[in-house]
C-alpha atoms as a PDB file:
ATOM      1  CA  UNK A   1     101.705 113.457 141.322  1.00  0.00           C
ATOM      2  CA  UNK A   2     100.886 116.037 138.677  1.00  0.00           C
ATOM      3  CA  UNK A   3      97.257 116.039 137.479  1.00  0.00           C
ATOM      4  CA  UNK A   4      98.088 117.454 134.061  1.00  0.00           C
ATOM      5  CA  UNK A   5      97.540 115.295 130.974  1.00  0.00           C
ATOM      6  CA  UNK A   6      99.627 116.286 127.957  1.00  0.00           C
ATOM      7  CA  UNK A   7      98.881 115.595 124.291  1.00  0.00           C
ATOM      8  CA  UNK A   8     101.839 115.773 121.886  1.00  0.00           C
ATOM      9  CA  UNK A   9     101.357 116.712 118.249  1.00  0.00           C
ATOM     10  CA  UNK A  10     103.550 114.937 115.685  1.00  0.00           C
ATOM     11  CA  UNK A  11     105.716 118.035 115.147  1.00  0.00           C
ATOM     12  CA  UNK A  12     106.805 117.900 118.809  1.00  0.00           C
ATOM     13  CA  UNK A  13     107.581 114.191 118.532  1.00  0.00           C
ATOM     14  CA  UNK A  14     109.706 114.831 115.443  1.00  0.00           C
ATOM     15  CA  UNK A  15     111.504 117.687 117.213  1.00  0.00           C
ATOM     16  CA  UNK A  16     112.792 115.204 119.756  1.00  0.00           C
ATOM     17  CA  UNK A  17     113.471 112.277 117.431  1.00  0.00           C
ATOM     18  CA  UNK A  18     115.298 114.561 114.984  1.00  0.00           C
ATOM     19  CA  UNK A  19     116.989 116.511 117.799  1.00  0.00           C
ATOM     20  CA  UNK A  20     115.851 119.771 116.199  1.00  0.00           C
ATOM     21  CA  UNK A  21     114.368 121.716 119.133  1.00  0.00           C
ATOM     22  CA  UNK A  22     115.778 121.911 122.641  1.00  0.00           C
ATOM     23  CA  UNK A  23     112.464 123.170 124.097  1.00  0.00           C
ATOM     24  CA  UNK A  24     110.656 119.987 123.029  1.00  0.00           C
ATOM     25  CA  UNK A  25     113.428 117.783 124.452  1.00  0.00           C
ATOM     26  CA  UNK A  26     113.459 119.728 127.721  1.00  0.00           C
ATOM     27  CA  UNK A  27     109.672 119.365 127.969  1.00  0.00           C
ATOM     28  CA  UNK A  28     109.706 115.604 127.404  1.00  0.00           C
ATOM     29  CA  UNK A  29     112.541 115.113 129.899  1.00  0.00           C
ATOM     30  CA  UNK A  30     110.522 117.092 132.470  1.00  0.00           C
ATOM     31  CA  UNK A  31     107.340 115.115 131.743  1.00  0.00           C
ATOM     32  CA  UNK A  32     109.218 111.826 132.092  1.00  0.00           C
ATOM     33  CA  UNK A  33     111.079 112.840 135.253  1.00  0.00           C
ATOM     34  CA  UNK A  34     107.868 114.034 136.931  1.00  0.00           C
ATOM     35  CA  UNK A  35     105.761 111.099 135.684  1.00  0.00           C
ATOM     36  CA  UNK A  36     103.210 113.357 133.995  1.00  0.00           C
ATOM     37  CA  UNK A  37     100.700 111.560 131.796  1.00  0.00           C
ATOM     38  CA  UNK A  38     101.580 112.054 128.147  1.00  0.00           C
ATOM     39  CA  UNK A  39      99.838 110.747 125.047  1.00  0.00           C
ATOM     40  CA  UNK A  40      99.434 111.148 121.320  1.00  0.00           C
ATOM     41  CA  UNK A  41      97.217 109.720 118.609  1.00  0.00           C
ATOM     42  CA  UNK A  42      97.969 106.607 116.571  1.00  0.00           C
ATOM     43  CA  UNK A  43      97.780 108.949 113.597  1.00  0.00           C
ATOM     44  CA  UNK A  44     100.490 111.254 115.061  1.00  0.00           C
ATOM     45  CA  UNK A  45     102.636 108.178 115.659  1.00  0.00           C
ATOM     46  CA  UNK A  46     102.207 107.073 112.026  1.00  0.00           C
ATOM     47  CA  UNK A  47     102.613 110.635 110.734  1.00  0.00           C
ATOM     48  CA  UNK A  48     105.915 110.960 112.620  1.00  0.00           C
ATOM     49  CA  UNK A  49     107.223 107.698 111.183  1.00  0.00           C
ATOM     50  CA  UNK A  50     106.191 108.804 107.692  1.00  0.00           C
ATOM     51  CA  UNK A  51     107.999 112.147 108.042  1.00  0.00           C
ATOM     52  CA  UNK A  52     111.158 110.478 109.408  1.00  0.00           C
ATOM     53  CA  UNK A  53     111.159 108.073 106.445  1.00  0.00           C
ATOM     54  CA  UNK A  54     110.673 111.039 104.112  1.00  0.00           C
ATOM     55  CA  UNK A  55     113.706 112.783 105.653  1.00  0.00           C
ATOM     56  CA  UNK A  56     115.834 109.666 105.143  1.00  0.00           C
ATOM     57  CA  UNK A  57     114.624 109.287 101.558  1.00  0.00           C
ATOM     58  CA  UNK A  58     115.506 112.901 100.716  1.00  0.00           C
ATOM     59  CA  UNK A  59     118.917 112.526 102.375  1.00  0.00           C
ATOM     60  CA  UNK A  60     119.562 109.342 100.365  1.00  0.00           C
ATOM     61  CA  UNK A  61     118.663 111.157  97.144  1.00  0.00           C
ATOM     62  CA  UNK A  62     120.868 114.144  97.977  1.00  0.00           C
ATOM     63  CA  UNK A  63     123.737 111.810  98.923  1.00  0.00           C
ATOM     64  CA  UNK A  64     123.384 110.308  95.415  1.00  0.00           C
ATOM     65  CA  UNK A  65     123.775 113.779  93.845  1.00  0.00           C
ATOM     66  CA  UNK A  66     120.087 114.194  93.026  1.00  0.00           C
ATOM     67  CA  UNK A  67     119.094 117.831  92.682  1.00  0.00           C
ATOM     68  CA  UNK A  68     117.271 119.392  95.622  1.00  0.00           C
ATOM     69  CA  UNK A  69     114.262 120.120  93.392  1.00  0.00           C
ATOM     70  CA  UNK A  70     114.005 116.504  92.260  1.00  0.00           C
ATOM     71  CA  UNK A  71     114.494 115.178  95.800  1.00  0.00           C
ATOM     72  CA  UNK A  72     111.666 117.367  97.084  1.00  0.00           C
ATOM     73  CA  UNK A  73     109.374 116.509  94.151  1.00  0.00           C
ATOM     74  CA  UNK A  74     109.934 112.787  94.805  1.00  0.00           C
ATOM     75  CA  UNK A  75     109.718 112.880  98.594  1.00  0.00           C
ATOM     76  CA  UNK A  76     106.437 110.957  98.624  1.00  0.00           C
ATOM     77  CA  UNK A  77     107.909 108.136  96.566  1.00  0.00           C
ATOM     78  CA  UNK A  78     110.117 106.791  99.342  1.00  0.00           C
ATOM     79  CA  UNK A  79     112.624 104.140  98.384  1.00  0.00           C
ATOM     80  CA  UNK A  80     114.060 102.944 101.669  1.00  0.00           C
ATOM     81  CA  UNK A  81     115.769  99.648 102.296  1.00  0.00           C
ATOM     82  CA  UNK A  82     114.113  97.155 104.618  1.00  0.00           C
ATOM     83  CA  UNK A  83     116.858  97.881 107.164  1.00  0.00           C
ATOM     84  CA  UNK A  84     116.168 101.626 107.001  1.00  0.00           C
ATOM     85  CA  UNK A  85     112.425 101.035 107.517  1.00  0.00           C
ATOM     86  CA  UNK A  86     113.067  98.651 110.415  1.00  0.00           C
ATOM     87  CA  UNK A  87     115.521 101.109 111.999  1.00  0.00           C
ATOM     88  CA  UNK A  88     112.901 103.880 111.878  1.00  0.00           C
ATOM     89  CA  UNK A  89     110.304 101.600 113.497  1.00  0.00           C
ATOM     90  CA  UNK A  90     112.780 100.585 116.189  1.00  0.00           C
ATOM     91  CA  UNK A  91     113.765 104.224 116.852  1.00  0.00           C
ATOM     92  CA  UNK A  92     110.129 105.208 117.354  1.00  0.00           C
ATOM     93  CA  UNK A  93     109.383 102.161 119.503  1.00  0.00           C
ATOM     94  CA  UNK A  94     112.346 103.076 121.714  1.00  0.00           C
ATOM     95  CA  UNK A  95     111.252 106.714 121.816  1.00  0.00           C
ATOM     96  CA  UNK A  96     107.682 105.912 122.915  1.00  0.00           C
ATOM     97  CA  UNK A  97     108.948 103.437 125.530  1.00  0.00           C
ATOM     98  CA  UNK A  98     111.639 105.789 126.870  1.00  0.00           C
ATOM     99  CA  UNK A  99     109.183 108.629 127.428  1.00  0.00           C
ATOM    100  CA  UNK A 100     106.246 106.374 128.356  1.00  0.00           C
ATOM    101  CA  UNK A 101     103.989 108.019 125.767  1.00  0.00           C
ATOM    102  CA  UNK A 102     100.563 106.406 125.504  1.00  0.00           C
ATOM    103  CA  UNK A 103      99.168 106.052 121.981  1.00  0.00           C
ATOM    104  CA  UNK A 104      95.406 106.495 121.635  1.00  0.00           C
ATOM    105  CA  UNK A 105      93.180 105.207 118.862  1.00  0.00           C
ATOM    106  CA  UNK A 106      89.606 106.220 118.103  1.00  0.00           C
ATOM    107  CA  UNK A 107      86.415 104.198 118.289  1.00  0.00           C
ATOM    108  CA  UNK A 108      83.183 105.004 116.410  1.00  0.00           C
ATOM    109  CA  UNK A 109      82.363 107.811 118.853  1.00  0.00           C
ATOM    110  CA  UNK A 110      85.855 109.251 118.407  1.00  0.00           C
ATOM    111  CA  UNK A 111      85.511 109.335 114.627  1.00  0.00           C
ATOM    112  CA  UNK A 112      82.182 111.116 115.018  1.00  0.00           C
ATOM    113  CA  UNK A 113      84.031 113.682 117.141  1.00  0.00           C
ATOM    114  CA  UNK A 114      86.603 114.117 114.367  1.00  0.00           C
ATOM    115  CA  UNK A 115      83.849 114.915 111.863  1.00  0.00           C
ATOM    116  CA  UNK A 116      82.219 117.342 114.302  1.00  0.00           C
ATOM    117  CA  UNK A 117      85.534 119.112 114.953  1.00  0.00           C
ATOM    118  CA  UNK A 118      86.073 119.421 111.193  1.00  0.00           C
ATOM    119  CA  UNK A 119      82.590 120.912 110.826  1.00  0.00           C
ATOM    120  CA  UNK A 120      82.834 123.348 113.721  1.00  0.00           C
ATOM    121  CA  UNK A 121      86.421 124.542 113.316  1.00  0.00           C
ATOM    122  CA  UNK A 122      86.957 124.068 109.564  1.00  0.00           C
ATOM    123  CA  UNK A 123      90.294 122.292 109.983  1.00  0.00           C
ATOM    124  CA  UNK A 124      91.856 119.413 108.080  1.00  0.00           C
ATOM    125  CA  UNK A 125      91.299 115.799 109.080  1.00  0.00           C
ATOM    126  CA  UNK A 126      94.734 115.089 110.657  1.00  0.00           C
ATOM    127  CA  UNK A 127      94.440 118.062 113.019  1.00  0.00           C
ATOM    128  CA  UNK A 128      90.851 117.074 113.826  1.00  0.00           C
ATOM    129  CA  UNK A 129      92.042 113.570 114.705  1.00  0.00           C
ATOM    130  CA  UNK A 130      94.682 114.940 117.066  1.00  0.00           C
ATOM    131  CA  UNK A 131      92.238 117.304 118.775  1.00  0.00           C
ATOM    132  CA  UNK A 132      89.558 114.601 119.120  1.00  0.00           C
ATOM    133  CA  UNK A 133      92.062 112.202 120.696  1.00  0.00           C
ATOM    134  CA  UNK A 134      93.278 114.889 123.105  1.00  0.00           C
ATOM    135  CA  UNK A 135      89.706 115.622 124.186  1.00  0.00           C
ATOM    136  CA  UNK A 136      88.703 111.962 124.519  1.00  0.00           C
ATOM    137  CA  UNK A 137      91.905 111.246 126.468  1.00  0.00           C
ATOM    138  CA  UNK A 138      90.891 114.122 128.773  1.00  0.00           C
ATOM    139  CA  UNK A 139      94.150 115.959 128.185  1.00  0.00           C
ATOM    140  CA  UNK A 140      94.517 119.308 129.874  1.00  0.00           C
ATOM    141  CA  UNK A 141      97.247 120.586 127.529  1.00  0.00           C
ATOM    142  CA  UNK A 142      97.591 120.188 123.760  1.00  0.00           C
ATOM    143  CA  UNK A 143     101.238 120.768 122.810  1.00  0.00           C
ATOM    144  CA  UNK A 144     102.081 121.723 119.225  1.00  0.00           C
ATOM    145  CA  UNK A 145     104.219 124.096 117.207  1.00  0.00           C
ATOM    146  CA  UNK A 146     101.490 124.509 114.583  1.00  0.00           C
ATOM    147  CA  UNK A 147     100.319 128.110 115.073  1.00  0.00           C
ATOM    148  CA  UNK A 148      97.051 127.628 113.158  1.00  0.00           C
ATOM    149  CA  UNK A 149      96.180 124.518 115.163  1.00  0.00           C
ATOM    150  CA  UNK A 150      97.013 126.358 118.398  1.00  0.00           C
ATOM    151  CA  UNK A 151      94.438 129.004 117.495  1.00  0.00           C
ATOM    152  CA  UNK A 152      91.775 126.324 116.979  1.00  0.00           C
ATOM    153  CA  UNK A 153      92.664 124.531 120.219  1.00  0.00           C
ATOM    154  CA  UNK A 154      92.416 127.809 122.125  1.00  0.00           C
ATOM    155  CA  UNK A 155      89.099 128.627 120.427  1.00  0.00           C
ATOM    156  CA  UNK A 156      87.672 125.227 121.426  1.00  0.00           C
ATOM    157  CA  UNK A 157      87.792 126.258 125.086  1.00  0.00           C
ATOM    158  CA  UNK A 158      88.080 122.587 126.059  1.00  0.00           C
ATOM    159  CA  UNK A 159      91.834 122.261 126.351  1.00  0.00           C
ATOM    160  CA  UNK A 160      94.827 124.547 126.824  1.00  0.00           C
ATOM    161  CA  UNK A 161      96.853 124.940 123.608  1.00  0.00           C
ATOM    162  CA  UNK A 162     100.554 125.643 124.150  1.00  0.00           C
ATOM    163  CA  UNK A 163     103.901 125.406 122.382  1.00  0.00           C
ATOM    164  CA  UNK A 164     106.535 123.095 123.909  1.00  0.00           C
ATOM    165  CA  UNK A 165     108.257 126.037 125.666  1.00  0.00           C
ATOM    166  CA  UNK A 166     104.922 127.355 126.968  1.00  0.00           C
ATOM    167  CA  UNK A 167     103.976 123.871 128.178  1.00  0.00           C
ATOM    168  CA  UNK A 168     107.281 123.512 130.007  1.00  0.00           C
ATOM    169  CA  UNK A 169     106.922 126.934 131.646  1.00  0.00           C
ATOM    170  CA  UNK A 170     103.293 126.167 132.602  1.00  0.00           C
ATOM    171  CA  UNK A 171     104.211 122.837 134.212  1.00  0.00           C
ATOM    172  CA  UNK A 172     107.102 124.362 136.163  1.00  0.00           C
ATOM    173  CA  UNK A 173     104.763 126.877 137.919  1.00  0.00           C
END
């Protein structure tokens, strides 16, 4: 059994759900096949759902001949049907079950870690939440496509920061 513990950032989750990056899909298939521990934060889970709903909302607007500018300006004002919202929730539930991804939440100590990470590394709250969860979950690899966040993860010295392709190559060694 592999001793690695992988944290997935929301951008990697969306890559797979949206079928937009083969490296992320290949990584998750490898993790699943080899029963490697994989987790994410509750916030990344929610963030992924939010982004997926945003994509659907923009597509709906464009399908109704709304200008691209207006669709982008109104992306935060999602008007999805109940069925569309339920379908997104079901898709993500199936995704997390299929790949056996554990979702971590934070306790009081975890939130204190978030604040400390924000102070030390000068990064925004969502990224601090992800990094705190990865550290508390004792992950060995933090997988993201966010180049700025990768720099912070590498600077922390507490966890290996890699892209999905780098993570896959590292695990295959």
